[in-house]
Protein backbone atom coordinates (compact mmCIF):
# COMPACT_ATOMS: atom_id res chain seq x y z
CA MET A 1 6.17 47.74 25.02
CA SER A 2 9.52 47.78 26.82
CA GLU A 3 12.89 48.74 25.34
CA ASN A 4 13.27 45.60 23.31
CA GLU A 5 9.70 44.73 22.61
CA ARG A 6 8.87 44.82 18.73
CA HIS A 7 5.38 39.41 2.95
CA GLU A 8 2.34 38.20 4.29
CA GLN A 9 2.44 35.55 1.49
CA SER A 10 0.66 32.25 1.23
CA ALA A 11 3.93 30.32 1.28
CA VAL A 12 5.04 32.16 4.41
CA SER A 13 1.70 31.51 6.10
CA GLU A 14 1.91 27.80 5.40
CA ASN A 15 5.51 27.66 6.62
CA VAL A 16 4.60 29.43 9.87
CA GLY A 17 1.61 27.18 10.42
CA SER A 18 3.51 23.93 9.97
CA GLU A 19 6.92 24.82 11.36
CA ALA A 20 5.68 26.78 14.36
CA SER A 21 3.48 23.92 15.53
CA ALA A 22 6.43 21.56 15.25
CA VAL A 23 8.91 23.58 17.30
CA SER A 24 6.82 25.53 19.80
CA VAL A 25 6.61 22.71 22.33
CA MET A 26 8.68 23.20 25.47
CA GLU A 27 11.53 20.70 25.58
CA SER A 28 13.99 19.58 28.18
CA GLY A 29 17.67 18.98 27.53
CA GLU A 30 21.18 19.32 28.81
CA PRO A 31 22.15 22.72 30.25
CA SER A 32 24.21 24.90 27.94
CA ALA A 33 26.02 28.23 28.08
CA VAL A 34 24.54 31.55 27.05
CA SER A 35 25.71 35.16 27.18
CA VAL A 36 23.29 38.05 27.60
CA ILE A 37 24.39 41.51 26.45
CA GLY A 38 22.16 44.34 27.64
CA LEU A 39 20.59 44.22 31.08
CA GLY A 40 17.63 46.53 30.89
CA GLN A 41 14.31 45.33 32.22
CA MET A 42 13.90 42.67 29.54
CA GLY A 43 17.55 41.64 29.36
CA THR A 44 17.61 41.08 33.11
CA ARG A 45 14.52 38.88 32.92
CA LEU A 46 16.07 36.87 30.08
CA ALA A 47 19.20 36.22 32.13
CA GLN A 48 17.13 35.24 35.16
CA ALA A 49 15.15 32.75 33.08
CA PHE A 50 18.34 31.17 31.73
CA LEU A 51 19.76 30.92 35.25
CA ALA A 52 16.55 29.41 36.60
CA ALA A 53 16.72 26.72 33.90
CA GLY A 54 20.27 25.82 34.95
CA HIS A 55 22.15 27.29 31.99
CA ALA A 56 25.59 28.80 32.58
CA THR A 57 24.89 32.49 32.00
CA THR A 58 27.40 35.25 31.36
CA VAL A 59 26.16 38.84 31.46
CA TRP A 60 27.44 42.24 30.36
CA ASN A 61 26.00 45.72 30.55
CA ARG A 62 27.50 49.13 29.86
CA SER A 63 26.56 50.13 33.42
CA ALA A 64 28.26 47.29 35.24
CA ALA A 65 26.20 47.71 38.42
CA LYS A 66 23.16 46.34 36.61
CA ALA A 67 24.82 42.94 36.62
CA ASP A 68 25.27 42.83 40.42
CA ALA A 69 21.94 41.18 41.25
CA LEU A 70 22.40 38.59 38.49
CA VAL A 71 25.91 37.76 39.65
CA ALA A 72 24.46 37.21 43.13
CA GLN A 73 22.04 34.75 41.51
CA GLY A 74 24.87 32.79 39.86
CA ALA A 75 25.67 34.61 36.64
CA ALA A 76 29.23 35.27 35.53
CA ARG A 77 30.10 38.90 34.93
CA ALA A 78 31.98 39.69 31.72
CA ALA A 79 34.33 42.64 31.93
CA THR A 80 33.94 43.49 28.24
CA VAL A 81 31.63 42.82 25.32
CA GLU A 82 34.38 40.73 23.78
CA ALA A 83 34.60 38.58 26.90
CA ALA A 84 30.82 38.11 26.90
CA VAL A 85 30.77 37.01 23.26
CA SER A 86 33.72 34.66 23.77
CA ALA A 87 32.17 33.00 26.83
CA SER A 88 29.30 31.16 25.14
CA PRO A 89 28.24 29.50 21.89
CA LEU A 90 24.94 31.37 22.15
CA VAL A 91 24.96 35.18 22.42
CA VAL A 92 21.68 36.97 23.16
CA VAL A 93 21.56 40.74 22.76
CA CYS A 94 18.75 42.89 24.13
CA LEU A 95 19.54 46.54 23.49
CA PRO A 96 17.71 49.81 22.85
CA ASP A 97 18.07 49.70 19.05
CA TYR A 98 19.94 48.08 16.17
CA ALA A 99 22.42 50.94 15.99
CA THR A 100 23.54 50.07 19.51
CA VAL A 101 23.85 46.42 18.52
CA SER A 102 26.10 47.44 15.64
CA ASP A 103 28.17 49.82 17.79
CA LEU A 104 28.82 47.19 20.46
CA LEU A 105 29.33 44.10 18.32
CA GLY A 106 31.07 45.68 15.34
CA PRO A 107 34.47 45.93 17.04
CA VAL A 108 34.32 42.28 18.19
CA ALA A 109 32.76 40.82 15.06
CA GLU A 110 35.52 38.24 14.57
CA ARG A 111 34.59 36.67 17.92
CA LEU A 112 31.13 35.79 16.59
CA ARG A 113 32.46 33.20 14.15
CA ASP A 114 30.86 29.77 14.70
CA ARG A 115 28.51 31.23 17.30
CA ALA A 116 24.77 31.87 17.24
CA LEU A 117 23.67 35.48 17.64
CA VAL A 118 20.10 36.01 18.84
CA ASN A 119 18.89 39.59 18.62
CA LEU A 120 15.91 40.45 20.83
CA THR A 121 16.15 44.16 20.06
CA SER A 122 13.10 45.92 18.59
CA GLY A 123 13.54 47.18 15.06
CA THR A 124 12.32 47.10 11.49
CA PRO A 125 12.29 44.14 9.09
CA GLU A 126 14.94 45.92 7.01
CA GLU A 127 17.22 46.27 10.03
CA ALA A 128 16.78 42.57 10.78
CA VAL A 129 17.82 41.60 7.25
CA THR A 130 20.83 43.93 7.33
CA THR A 131 21.97 42.57 10.69
CA ALA A 132 21.49 38.98 9.52
CA ASP A 133 23.66 39.63 6.48
CA TRP A 134 26.32 41.25 8.67
CA ALA A 135 26.29 38.32 11.10
CA SER A 136 26.52 35.79 8.29
CA GLY A 137 29.39 37.71 6.78
CA ASN A 138 31.21 37.30 10.07
CA GLY A 139 30.58 33.56 10.27
CA ALA A 140 27.72 33.63 12.78
CA ASP A 141 24.28 32.03 12.62
CA TYR A 142 21.62 34.68 13.21
CA LEU A 143 18.16 34.71 14.74
CA ASP A 144 16.08 37.81 15.02
CA GLY A 145 13.47 37.65 17.75
CA ALA A 146 10.78 39.40 19.73
CA ALA A 147 9.32 38.96 23.21
CA MET A 148 5.57 39.15 22.78
CA SER A 149 4.41 38.81 26.40
CA GLY A 150 6.19 41.66 28.14
CA THR A 151 8.57 41.02 31.01
CA ARG A 152 6.21 39.62 33.61
CA LEU A 153 5.79 36.18 32.02
CA VAL A 154 9.39 35.56 30.89
CA GLY A 155 10.45 32.07 31.91
CA ARG A 156 6.89 30.73 31.99
CA PRO A 157 5.39 28.44 29.30
CA GLU A 158 2.77 31.01 28.31
CA ALA A 159 5.36 33.68 27.43
CA LEU A 160 5.51 33.88 23.63
CA PHE A 161 8.85 34.46 21.93
CA VAL A 162 9.07 34.50 18.14
CA PHE A 163 12.27 33.93 16.19
CA SER A 164 13.21 33.94 12.53
CA GLY A 165 16.40 33.30 10.66
CA SER A 166 18.82 30.39 10.86
CA PRO A 167 16.93 27.12 11.45
CA GLU A 168 20.23 25.50 12.44
CA ALA A 169 20.75 28.03 15.22
CA PHE A 170 17.22 27.50 16.50
CA ALA A 171 17.53 23.71 16.43
CA THR A 172 20.92 23.75 18.13
CA HIS A 173 19.88 26.12 20.92
CA ARG A 174 16.21 25.23 21.21
CA THR A 175 16.56 23.98 24.77
CA VAL A 176 18.09 27.25 25.94
CA LEU A 177 15.58 29.40 24.05
CA THR A 178 12.61 27.47 25.40
CA SER A 179 13.82 28.42 28.87
CA LEU A 180 12.27 31.78 28.04
CA GLY A 181 8.81 30.41 27.27
CA ASN A 182 6.93 29.23 24.21
CA SER A 183 9.64 29.85 21.61
CA VAL A 184 8.38 29.65 18.03
CA HIS A 185 10.53 29.62 14.89
CA LEU A 186 8.62 31.43 12.14
CA GLY A 187 10.84 30.70 9.17
CA THR A 188 14.20 31.41 7.58
CA ASP A 189 13.52 35.03 6.62
CA PRO A 190 14.97 37.16 9.46
CA ALA A 191 12.40 39.89 8.68
CA LEU A 192 9.54 37.70 9.91
CA ALA A 193 10.18 38.24 13.62
CA PRO A 194 9.87 42.06 13.48
CA VAL A 195 6.87 41.74 11.14
CA PHE A 196 5.11 39.47 13.64
CA ASP A 197 6.25 41.73 16.48
CA THR A 198 4.52 44.78 15.05
CA ALA A 199 1.49 42.80 13.86
CA LEU A 200 0.91 41.15 17.23
CA PHE A 201 1.46 44.44 19.04
CA GLY A 202 -1.22 46.01 16.86
CA LEU A 203 -3.51 43.06 17.54
CA ALA A 204 -3.04 43.37 21.29
CA TRP A 205 -3.70 47.09 21.23
CA GLY A 206 -6.80 46.65 19.08
CA ALA A 207 -8.17 44.20 21.61
CA LEU A 208 -7.17 46.37 24.57
CA ALA A 209 -8.71 49.49 23.01
CA GLY A 210 -11.99 47.63 22.66
CA PHE A 211 -11.69 46.42 26.25
CA TYR A 212 -10.98 49.88 27.63
CA HIS A 213 -13.99 51.29 25.80
CA ALA A 214 -16.15 48.43 27.07
CA VAL A 215 -15.00 49.02 30.66
CA ALA A 216 -15.89 52.70 30.32
CA LEU A 217 -19.28 51.82 28.85
CA VAL A 218 -20.31 49.36 31.57
CA GLY A 219 -18.68 51.58 34.18
CA ALA A 220 -21.15 54.31 33.23
CA ALA A 221 -23.82 51.83 34.33
CA GLY A 222 -22.05 51.25 37.66
CA VAL A 223 -20.46 47.91 36.76
CA ASP A 224 -17.20 47.05 38.52
CA PRO A 225 -14.39 46.62 35.93
CA VAL A 226 -13.16 43.41 37.55
CA ALA A 227 -16.64 41.91 37.41
CA PHE A 228 -16.89 42.89 33.74
CA ALA A 229 -13.47 41.41 32.99
CA ALA A 230 -14.58 38.07 34.41
CA VAL A 231 -17.40 37.97 31.85
CA ALA A 232 -15.27 39.40 29.03
CA THR A 233 -12.51 36.81 29.38
CA GLY A 234 -15.14 34.09 29.10
CA HIS A 235 -16.20 35.67 25.81
CA MET A 236 -12.70 35.62 24.32
CA PRO A 237 -12.69 31.97 23.12
CA PHE A 238 -15.53 32.95 20.77
CA VAL A 239 -13.50 35.94 19.53
CA THR A 240 -10.40 33.82 18.90
CA SER A 241 -12.53 31.25 17.07
CA LEU A 242 -13.63 34.05 14.75
CA MET A 243 -9.97 34.88 14.10
CA ALA A 244 -9.25 31.30 13.05
CA GLU A 245 -12.31 31.06 10.82
CA HIS A 246 -11.87 34.49 9.27
CA ALA A 247 -8.20 33.76 8.55
CA ARG A 248 -9.35 30.84 6.41
CA GLN A 249 -11.84 33.09 4.62
CA ILE A 250 -9.16 35.69 3.95
CA LYS A 251 -6.79 33.05 2.59
CA ASP A 252 -9.52 31.70 0.28
CA GLY A 253 -10.70 35.17 -0.73
CA ARG A 254 -14.31 34.19 0.04
CA PHE A 255 -16.39 36.01 2.66
CA PRO A 256 -19.64 34.24 3.54
CA ASP A 257 -22.07 36.11 5.75
CA ASP A 258 -22.36 33.44 8.45
CA ASP A 259 -21.02 35.84 11.08
CA GLY A 260 -22.91 38.84 9.72
CA THR A 261 -22.37 41.20 6.82
CA VAL A 262 -20.45 44.46 6.90
CA GLU A 263 -23.78 46.32 6.82
CA VAL A 264 -25.12 44.34 9.80
CA HIS A 265 -21.99 45.00 11.83
CA ALA A 266 -22.03 48.66 10.83
CA ALA A 267 -25.55 48.99 12.23
CA ALA A 268 -24.46 47.26 15.45
CA MET A 269 -21.45 49.56 15.76
CA LYS A 270 -23.74 52.59 15.33
CA HIS A 271 -25.67 51.27 18.33
CA VAL A 272 -22.41 51.12 20.32
CA LEU A 273 -21.63 54.67 19.19
CA ASP A 274 -25.08 56.03 20.11
CA THR A 275 -25.08 54.28 23.48
CA SER A 276 -21.61 55.64 24.25
CA ARG A 277 -22.70 59.18 23.46
CA ALA A 278 -25.80 58.80 25.58
CA ARG A 279 -23.66 57.63 28.49
CA GLY A 280 -21.28 60.54 28.07
CA ILE A 281 -18.13 58.54 27.33
CA GLY A 282 -15.55 58.93 24.56
CA THR A 283 -16.41 57.54 21.14
CA ASP A 284 -12.93 57.21 19.63
CA VAL A 285 -13.01 53.42 19.37
CA PRO A 286 -16.49 52.89 17.87
CA GLU A 287 -15.94 55.82 15.51
CA LEU A 288 -12.71 54.26 14.26
CA ILE A 289 -14.37 50.91 13.63
CA GLY A 290 -17.50 52.50 12.19
CA ASN A 291 -15.42 54.51 9.72
CA LEU A 292 -13.65 51.34 8.61
CA MET A 293 -16.98 49.64 7.98
CA GLU A 294 -18.25 52.63 6.01
CA ARG A 295 -15.15 52.46 3.82
CA ALA A 296 -15.63 48.72 3.33
CA ALA A 297 -19.25 49.25 2.28
CA ALA A 298 -18.16 52.00 -0.13
CA ASP A 299 -15.68 49.50 -1.61
CA GLY A 300 -18.58 47.19 -2.41
CA HIS A 301 -18.35 44.83 0.56
CA GLY A 302 -21.57 45.85 2.31
CA SER A 303 -23.31 42.51 1.70
CA SER A 304 -20.14 40.45 2.20
CA GLY A 305 -19.07 38.79 5.43
CA ILE A 306 -17.40 41.01 7.99
CA ALA A 307 -13.93 39.58 7.30
CA SER A 308 -14.01 41.34 3.92
CA VAL A 309 -12.95 44.58 5.65
CA VAL A 310 -9.41 43.21 5.33
CA GLU A 311 -9.52 44.07 1.64
CA THR A 312 -10.25 47.70 2.46
CA ILE A 313 -7.38 47.74 4.95
CA THR A 314 -5.05 46.12 2.41
CA LYS A 315 -5.93 48.81 -0.12
CA GLY A 316 -5.63 51.55 2.49
CA GLU A 317 -3.34 53.71 0.36
CA ARG A 318 -6.35 54.60 -1.80
CA HIS A 319 -7.92 56.28 1.20
CA ALA A 320 -4.81 58.11 2.42
């Protein structure tokens, strides 16, 4: 994850499901003005996406030379943070951490009044709430956000951006924000964006860890990784369908064995583990998953559907 790239309650889940589907559609509209503060790899891509969509874009960075290429593409260079904030009704910050956000914006807080502040800086839910309170106290609408698709896809419809906080700010500046990609408003709680950021990052890495192990496993049999990936990507719609179905089971607290019990999956994972050892490759991934299944069985879920492992994860502190 780059420099910026970052409870679970039934009511929150329902809000995300209904509201996200309503506002995640790309929309067209009149060009507007936006300021981007922080021109690292992600900040630069954000500014480029705004420019490409025809929005008047003002940029500022501590190292002024980082703005040169964007100015050549049509951006306006702000000489100071204060000038950048004053230039636009929408101010997007993309900085190394929340402390830097506070250091830069604190001295010009009065300039944020009646503006929308969008923070695409990685941080904790607690930092998001604190920053939202600070912004509100200075008369600004606040959205915390996270870029979930890295830098390569920014500006394309498949790039996922999640936001939480002021619904008024999101509605007012939706056209500009959807210049970045599929921009989804999760709800009014500013903590939701960093929660989703960390959750989706963990999801991606879980999937990638499984993929890397699978590539090593078939590679030991002489299979080209690109050829394997072509088959694996065709398998993913089945995997995502399991996510949707198992989410419903988790919400209902019922775990039918239609997709196999914990014991059945544990036996299958032992086969993965034994095959990996026989092929001479690392066993970190199957051991991790196998241990989780053993814990779930010890918790009494052996004959339950595989999605019941979530209850063991939820109660993880007992196993610390």
